[in-house]
Amino acid sequence: MPLSVAVVAAVLAVVLSILLVFNLKRLRRLEAEAVALREEKSDLQRRLAVEEQKSGRLADVERELAEGKQLADRLRDAKSATETESARVTEALSHRDSDLAELKARLASTEAKKTEFETRLASLEATLEQERKQSAEKTRLA
């Protein structure tokens, strides 16, 4: 029987050697997979960091967009107020222009009447002067 124990021991040694080689190959394969998984994890972490940065920038962009919308609303309100004020000023200027045109017409009429009155006054003064001379002549003759 000692031979059969030696045979069994040899067979076990061979089987264990085969299992050891198989397990070593499997261990190397698993280690390679673990390295690949670590690299993939590292890549995913880098991509996640990039996406987090983008997400952080998105919040800033959304805030800037909201500020831009508020500014646009304020500018729209200011434009509306300016257009209303411009219409009011334009109407006031129109009234002033019309008043100015009326005043110019009245001034021209008044100046024409003044010229007419000055002419009549000069004529009346000349007539009065003639009558004074005639009266003085009559008084001197009489």
Foldseek 3Di string as FASTA:
>chain_A
DVVVVVVVVVVVVVVVVVVVVVVVVVVVVVVVVVVVVVVVVVVVVVVVVVVVVVVVVVVVVVVVVVVVVVVVVVVVVVVVVVVVVVVVVVVVVVVVVVVVVVVVVVVVVVVVVVVVVVVVVVVVVVVVVVVVVVVVVVVVVD
